Amino acid sequence: MLQLENLSRRFGATAAVSGVSLSIPAGQMVGVIGRSGAGKSTLLRMVNRLTEPSEGRILHEGQEVTRLRGQALRDWRTRCGMIFQQFNLVPRLDVLTNVLVGRLNHHPGLLGTLGTLFKRFPAEERAMALMALDRFDLAGQAPQRADTLSGGQQQRVAIARAMMQQPRILLADEPIASLDPRNARTVMDALRDVNRRDGITVLCNLHHLETAREYCGRIVALQAGRVMFDGAPGELTAARLRDIYGVSEAEFDEQSTAPAAARSAGRQASPGRVAPLPA
């Protein structure tokens, strides 16, 4: 069970997230929706502790995540994998090595860094990475540079990398916002497979309500950092959506998607990103 208790985050006088309380049973797939600036990304980043809460608590199976420091916090981030809109792969490294980066917390310090630089990982971990890539139909791309892949392929590599952490929870922050419809479906199918086959809890920020309805068993709608709806997909009707946001479903999707490029540009230097290795 993942529990968020009165979770808030302020940036100066602005409340990005305000008093959010949620209980998420293990193995649930939750879609978090909201228009630009609703607080979706801040909420997920607080769960992973990439952004520190201003108030409130995060608990997972009785452990207070908000109190973790040092190695305990690094261990939490291993158990709570995160997938970003812009993939966060290292472009000049091959696909297999990018996936193996997911094992770095199992080899901390200089050993892990050298392993990445010189592509030296134990044989069993290389086998794990190849199996992860094969699961997402990418084994044939293992020796390619990551920047030669399509956006949908890169996002599936990012999912495979997260799976190498052996996570209990997977946070997907707008994973399909920069993808075309065909690749978006492939990535969402991969996330649903992880949820159903592995029993991993998935929290996924989404822009399109229909995608959330199709893939998620529960939808949480945010507005101005507050939870305005929390329930089954069928309960979030067009009338309920208009009551919350004052717009139709088509207008909601349009207004949520339009600023995606600006948000993406603003996140290039956000903390927690995997920085490319020097050329």
Protein backbone atom coordinates (compact mmCIF):
# COMPACT_ATOMS: atom_id res chain seq x y z
CA MET A 1 0.00 0.00 0.00
CA LEU A 2 1.24 3.45 -1.00
CA GLN A 3 -0.24 6.24 1.12
CA LEU A 4 -0.04 9.98 0.56
CA GLU A 5 -1.18 11.96 3.57
CA ASN A 6 -1.99 15.66 3.17
CA LEU A 7 0.87 16.03 0.71
CA SER A 8 1.68 19.58 -0.37
CA ARG A 9 4.40 21.38 -2.28
CA ARG A 10 4.80 25.13 -2.49
CA PHE A 11 7.13 27.10 -4.72
CA GLY A 12 7.23 30.49 -3.03
CA ALA A 13 3.65 31.68 -2.75
CA THR A 14 2.42 29.17 -5.34
CA ALA A 15 0.96 25.83 -4.20
CA ALA A 16 1.76 23.28 -6.93
CA VAL A 17 0.20 20.46 -4.88
CA SER A 18 -2.14 21.13 -1.98
CA GLY A 19 -3.32 18.64 0.64
CA VAL A 20 -3.40 15.50 -1.50
CA SER A 21 -4.33 12.31 0.35
CA LEU A 22 -4.49 9.01 -1.55
CA SER A 23 -4.30 5.32 -0.64
CA ILE A 24 -3.13 3.16 -3.53
CA PRO A 25 -3.26 -0.62 -3.07
CA ALA A 26 -0.36 -2.68 -4.37
CA GLY A 27 -0.80 -3.71 -8.00
CA GLN A 28 -3.18 -0.93 -9.01
CA MET A 29 -2.76 1.08 -12.23
CA VAL A 30 -3.75 4.69 -11.62
CA GLY A 31 -4.08 7.41 -14.24
CA VAL A 32 -3.46 10.95 -13.00
CA ILE A 33 -5.04 13.56 -15.26
CA GLY A 34 -5.23 17.33 -15.27
CA ARG A 35 -4.52 20.27 -17.49
CA SER A 36 -1.11 21.93 -17.67
CA GLY A 37 -0.05 23.25 -14.27
CA ALA A 38 -2.44 20.99 -12.33
CA GLY A 39 0.43 19.53 -10.28
CA LYS A 40 0.64 16.05 -11.87
CA SER A 41 4.41 15.97 -12.38
CA THR A 42 5.14 17.55 -9.01
CA LEU A 43 3.00 14.90 -7.33
CA LEU A 44 4.87 12.01 -8.95
CA ARG A 45 8.25 13.59 -8.31
CA MET A 46 7.40 13.89 -4.61
CA VAL A 47 6.58 10.18 -4.45
CA ASN A 48 10.05 9.46 -5.85
CA ARG A 49 11.55 12.20 -3.63
CA LEU A 50 13.01 14.04 -6.62
CA THR A 51 10.97 16.95 -5.26
CA GLU A 52 10.70 17.38 -1.51
CA PRO A 53 7.21 17.86 -0.02
CA SER A 54 6.56 21.09 1.87
CA GLU A 55 4.07 19.28 4.09
CA GLY A 56 2.59 15.82 4.57
CA ARG A 57 3.85 12.27 4.54
CA ILE A 58 4.46 9.44 2.07
CA LEU A 59 4.28 5.90 3.40
CA HIS A 60 4.87 2.60 1.65
CA GLU A 61 4.05 -0.62 3.46
CA GLY A 62 4.40 1.20 6.79
CA GLN A 63 7.75 2.82 5.99
CA GLU A 64 7.75 6.63 6.06
CA VAL A 65 9.37 7.55 2.78
CA THR A 66 9.53 11.24 3.63
CA ARG A 67 12.04 10.52 6.41
CA LEU A 68 14.49 8.51 4.31
CA ARG A 69 18.02 9.82 3.79
CA GLY A 70 21.28 8.58 2.25
CA GLN A 71 21.39 4.93 1.18
CA ALA A 72 17.84 4.32 2.43
CA LEU A 73 16.58 7.02 0.06
CA ARG A 74 18.61 5.58 -2.83
CA ASP A 75 17.11 2.16 -2.08
CA TRP A 76 13.62 3.70 -2.19
CA ARG A 77 14.30 5.21 -5.60
CA THR A 78 15.38 1.78 -6.76
CA ARG A 79 12.09 0.25 -5.56
CA CYS A 80 10.17 3.19 -7.05
CA GLY A 81 11.24 3.45 -10.68
CA MET A 82 10.48 6.51 -12.77
CA ILE A 83 9.91 7.03 -16.49
CA PHE A 84 10.07 10.50 -18.00
CA GLN A 85 8.51 12.10 -21.06
CA GLN A 86 11.90 12.65 -22.70
CA PHE A 87 13.15 9.09 -22.01
CA ASN A 88 16.37 10.13 -20.16
CA LEU A 89 18.54 7.70 -22.07
CA VAL A 90 22.24 8.34 -22.68
CA PRO A 91 22.20 8.97 -26.46
CA ARG A 92 25.77 7.88 -27.28
CA LEU A 93 25.55 4.59 -25.38
CA ASP A 94 24.10 1.46 -26.92
CA VAL A 95 20.64 0.26 -25.95
CA LEU A 96 21.88 -2.66 -23.85
CA THR A 97 24.11 -0.44 -21.71
CA ASN A 98 21.26 2.05 -21.22
CA VAL A 99 19.13 -0.78 -19.84
CA LEU A 100 21.99 -1.97 -17.60
CA VAL A 101 22.12 1.52 -16.05
CA GLY A 102 19.05 0.36 -14.15
CA ARG A 103 21.35 -1.85 -12.07
CA LEU A 104 23.65 0.96 -10.93
CA ASN A 105 22.24 1.19 -7.42
CA HIS A 106 23.20 -2.46 -7.02
CA HIS A 107 26.82 -1.42 -7.72
CA PRO A 108 27.13 1.97 -5.96
CA GLY A 109 30.08 4.30 -6.04
CA LEU A 110 33.10 4.06 -8.29
CA LEU A 111 32.41 0.44 -9.29
CA GLY A 112 29.05 1.36 -10.78
CA THR A 113 30.46 4.38 -12.61
CA LEU A 114 33.33 2.41 -14.09
CA GLY A 115 30.98 -0.37 -15.09
CA THR A 116 28.95 2.10 -17.14
CA LEU A 117 31.97 3.82 -18.69
CA PHE A 118 33.61 0.57 -19.75
CA LYS A 119 30.40 -1.41 -20.29
CA ARG A 120 31.47 -4.01 -17.75
CA PHE A 121 28.50 -5.67 -16.07
CA PRO A 122 28.16 -9.21 -14.72
CA ALA A 123 27.05 -11.79 -17.26
CA GLU A 124 23.85 -12.51 -15.36
CA GLU A 125 22.86 -8.84 -15.47
CA ARG A 126 23.56 -8.65 -19.19
CA ALA A 127 21.29 -11.67 -19.60
CA MET A 128 18.60 -9.92 -17.51
CA ALA A 129 18.86 -6.83 -19.71
CA LEU A 130 18.54 -8.84 -22.91
CA MET A 131 15.47 -10.59 -21.51
CA ALA A 132 13.95 -7.22 -20.61
CA LEU A 133 14.58 -5.93 -24.12
CA ASP A 134 13.17 -9.09 -25.67
CA ARG A 135 10.03 -8.68 -23.58
CA PHE A 136 9.42 -5.31 -25.24
CA ASP A 137 10.43 -6.54 -28.73
CA LEU A 138 13.75 -4.69 -28.68
CA ALA A 139 16.37 -7.45 -28.38
CA GLY A 140 17.46 -6.84 -31.97
CA GLN A 141 18.24 -3.20 -31.15
CA ALA A 142 20.53 -4.04 -28.19
CA PRO A 143 23.80 -3.01 -29.95
CA GLN A 144 22.39 0.19 -31.50
CA ARG A 145 23.03 3.66 -30.14
CA ALA A 146 20.01 4.85 -28.21
CA ASP A 147 19.65 8.00 -30.31
CA THR A 148 19.05 5.91 -33.46
CA LEU A 149 15.73 4.59 -32.14
CA SER A 150 12.26 6.02 -32.62
CA GLY A 151 10.57 7.79 -29.74
CA GLY A 152 8.37 4.80 -28.96
CA GLN A 153 11.36 2.47 -28.96
CA GLN A 154 13.32 4.79 -26.68
CA GLN A 155 10.45 4.91 -24.21
CA ARG A 156 10.25 1.10 -24.16
CA VAL A 157 14.00 1.02 -23.50
CA ALA A 158 13.35 3.37 -20.57
CA ILE A 159 10.71 0.96 -19.26
CA ALA A 160 13.13 -1.95 -19.61
CA ARG A 161 15.75 0.06 -17.71
CA ALA A 162 13.28 0.76 -14.92
CA MET A 163 12.39 -2.94 -14.75
CA MET A 164 16.07 -3.74 -14.17
CA GLN A 165 15.70 -1.96 -10.83
CA GLN A 166 13.15 -4.64 -9.86
CA PRO A 167 10.75 -1.94 -8.66
CA ARG A 168 7.61 -2.31 -6.58
CA ILE A 169 6.17 0.93 -7.97
CA LEU A 170 6.55 2.50 -11.41
CA LEU A 171 5.95 6.23 -11.89
CA ALA A 172 5.37 7.33 -15.48
CA ASP A 173 5.49 11.10 -15.91
CA GLU A 174 3.74 11.92 -19.19
CA PRO A 175 5.30 8.87 -20.92
CA ILE A 176 3.39 9.30 -24.20
CA ALA A 177 3.07 13.09 -24.45
CA SER A 178 5.75 13.35 -27.16
CA LEU A 179 4.71 10.24 -29.13
CA ASP A 180 2.44 9.67 -32.12
CA PRO A 181 -0.72 7.61 -31.52
CA ARG A 182 0.74 4.28 -32.71
CA ASN A 183 3.84 4.55 -30.51
CA ALA A 184 1.75 5.88 -27.63
CA ARG A 185 -0.39 2.73 -27.72
CA THR A 186 2.70 0.50 -27.81
CA VAL A 187 4.13 2.22 -24.73
CA MET A 188 0.82 2.08 -22.84
CA ASP A 189 0.49 -1.61 -23.72
CA ALA A 190 3.95 -2.14 -22.22
CA LEU A 191 3.01 -0.35 -19.00
CA ARG A 192 -0.22 -2.34 -18.71
CA ASP A 193 1.73 -5.56 -19.23
CA VAL A 194 4.14 -4.61 -16.42
CA ASN A 195 1.18 -3.87 -14.16
CA ARG A 196 -0.74 -7.05 -14.92
CA ARG A 197 2.03 -9.60 -15.37
CA ASP A 198 4.36 -8.40 -12.63
CA GLY A 199 1.80 -6.94 -10.23
CA ILE A 200 3.72 -3.66 -10.10
CA THR A 201 1.83 -0.56 -8.98
CA VAL A 202 1.78 2.00 -11.81
CA LEU A 203 1.03 5.71 -11.43
CA CYS A 204 0.84 7.35 -14.83
CA ASN A 205 0.33 11.03 -15.69
CA LEU A 206 -1.78 11.29 -18.84
CA HIS A 207 -3.20 14.08 -20.97
CA HIS A 208 -5.94 12.23 -22.81
CA LEU A 209 -8.91 11.11 -20.79
CA GLU A 210 -9.78 8.30 -23.19
CA THR A 211 -6.30 6.78 -22.72
CA ALA A 212 -6.74 6.90 -18.94
CA ARG A 213 -10.16 5.24 -19.24
CA GLU A 214 -8.81 2.47 -21.47
CA TYR A 215 -5.69 1.57 -19.53
CA CYS A 216 -6.24 2.52 -15.89
CA GLY A 217 -8.51 0.96 -13.31
CA ARG A 218 -8.63 4.19 -11.35
CA ILE A 219 -8.43 7.86 -12.32
CA VAL A 220 -7.33 10.75 -10.13
CA ALA A 221 -8.10 14.21 -11.54
CA LEU A 222 -6.14 17.20 -10.29
CA GLN A 223 -6.94 20.88 -10.61
CA ALA A 224 -4.70 23.58 -9.14
CA GLY A 225 -2.90 20.93 -7.09
CA ARG A 226 -6.04 19.49 -5.48
CA VAL A 227 -7.80 16.17 -6.04
CA MET A 228 -11.13 16.91 -7.71
CA PHE A 229 -12.03 13.32 -8.63
CA ASP A 230 -10.87 9.89 -7.50
CA GLY A 231 -12.72 6.89 -8.79
CA ALA A 232 -13.43 4.36 -11.53
CA PRO A 233 -12.99 5.46 -15.17
CA GLY A 234 -16.69 5.03 -15.95
CA GLU A 235 -17.62 7.49 -13.21
CA LEU A 236 -15.72 10.35 -14.86
CA THR A 237 -18.44 11.23 -17.34
CA ALA A 238 -18.52 14.19 -19.71
CA ALA A 239 -20.86 15.97 -17.30
CA ARG A 240 -18.55 15.34 -14.34
CA LEU A 241 -15.55 16.54 -16.35
CA ARG A 242 -17.38 19.76 -17.21
CA ASP A 243 -18.27 20.26 -13.54
CA ILE A 244 -14.59 19.95 -12.58
CA TYR A 245 -12.86 21.79 -15.42
CA GLY A 246 -15.63 23.75 -17.12
CA VAL A 247 -14.77 22.27 -20.52
CA SER A 248 -15.78 19.38 -22.77
CA GLU A 249 -13.60 16.28 -23.07
CA ALA A 250 -12.24 17.47 -26.43
CA GLU A 251 -11.39 20.88 -24.97
CA PHE A 252 -9.78 19.22 -21.94
CA ASP A 253 -7.51 17.10 -24.15
CA GLU A 254 -6.62 20.08 -26.36
CA GLN A 255 -5.78 22.36 -23.45
CA SER A 256 -3.80 19.64 -21.68
CA THR A 257 -1.71 18.79 -24.74
CA ALA A 258 -1.05 22.22 -26.26
CA PRO A 259 1.74 23.34 -23.87
CA ALA A 260 3.60 19.99 -24.00
CA ALA A 261 6.53 21.36 -25.99
CA ALA A 262 7.01 24.22 -23.56
CA ARG A 263 6.87 21.84 -20.58
CA SER A 264 9.35 19.52 -22.26
CA ALA A 265 11.81 22.36 -22.89
CA GLY A 266 11.48 23.51 -19.31
CA ARG A 267 12.36 20.09 -17.97
CA GLN A 268 15.64 19.66 -19.82
CA ALA A 269 17.59 20.80 -16.75
CA SER A 270 15.23 19.33 -14.15
CA PRO A 271 16.85 17.44 -11.24
CA GLY A 272 16.99 13.69 -11.41
CA ARG A 273 17.66 13.46 -15.15
CA VAL A 274 20.37 11.11 -16.41
CA ALA A 275 23.05 13.37 -17.81
CA PRO A 276 24.77 12.32 -21.05
CA LEU A 277 28.35 11.14 -20.70
CA PRO A 278 31.01 13.50 -22.04
CA ALA A 279 31.64 13.16 -25.77
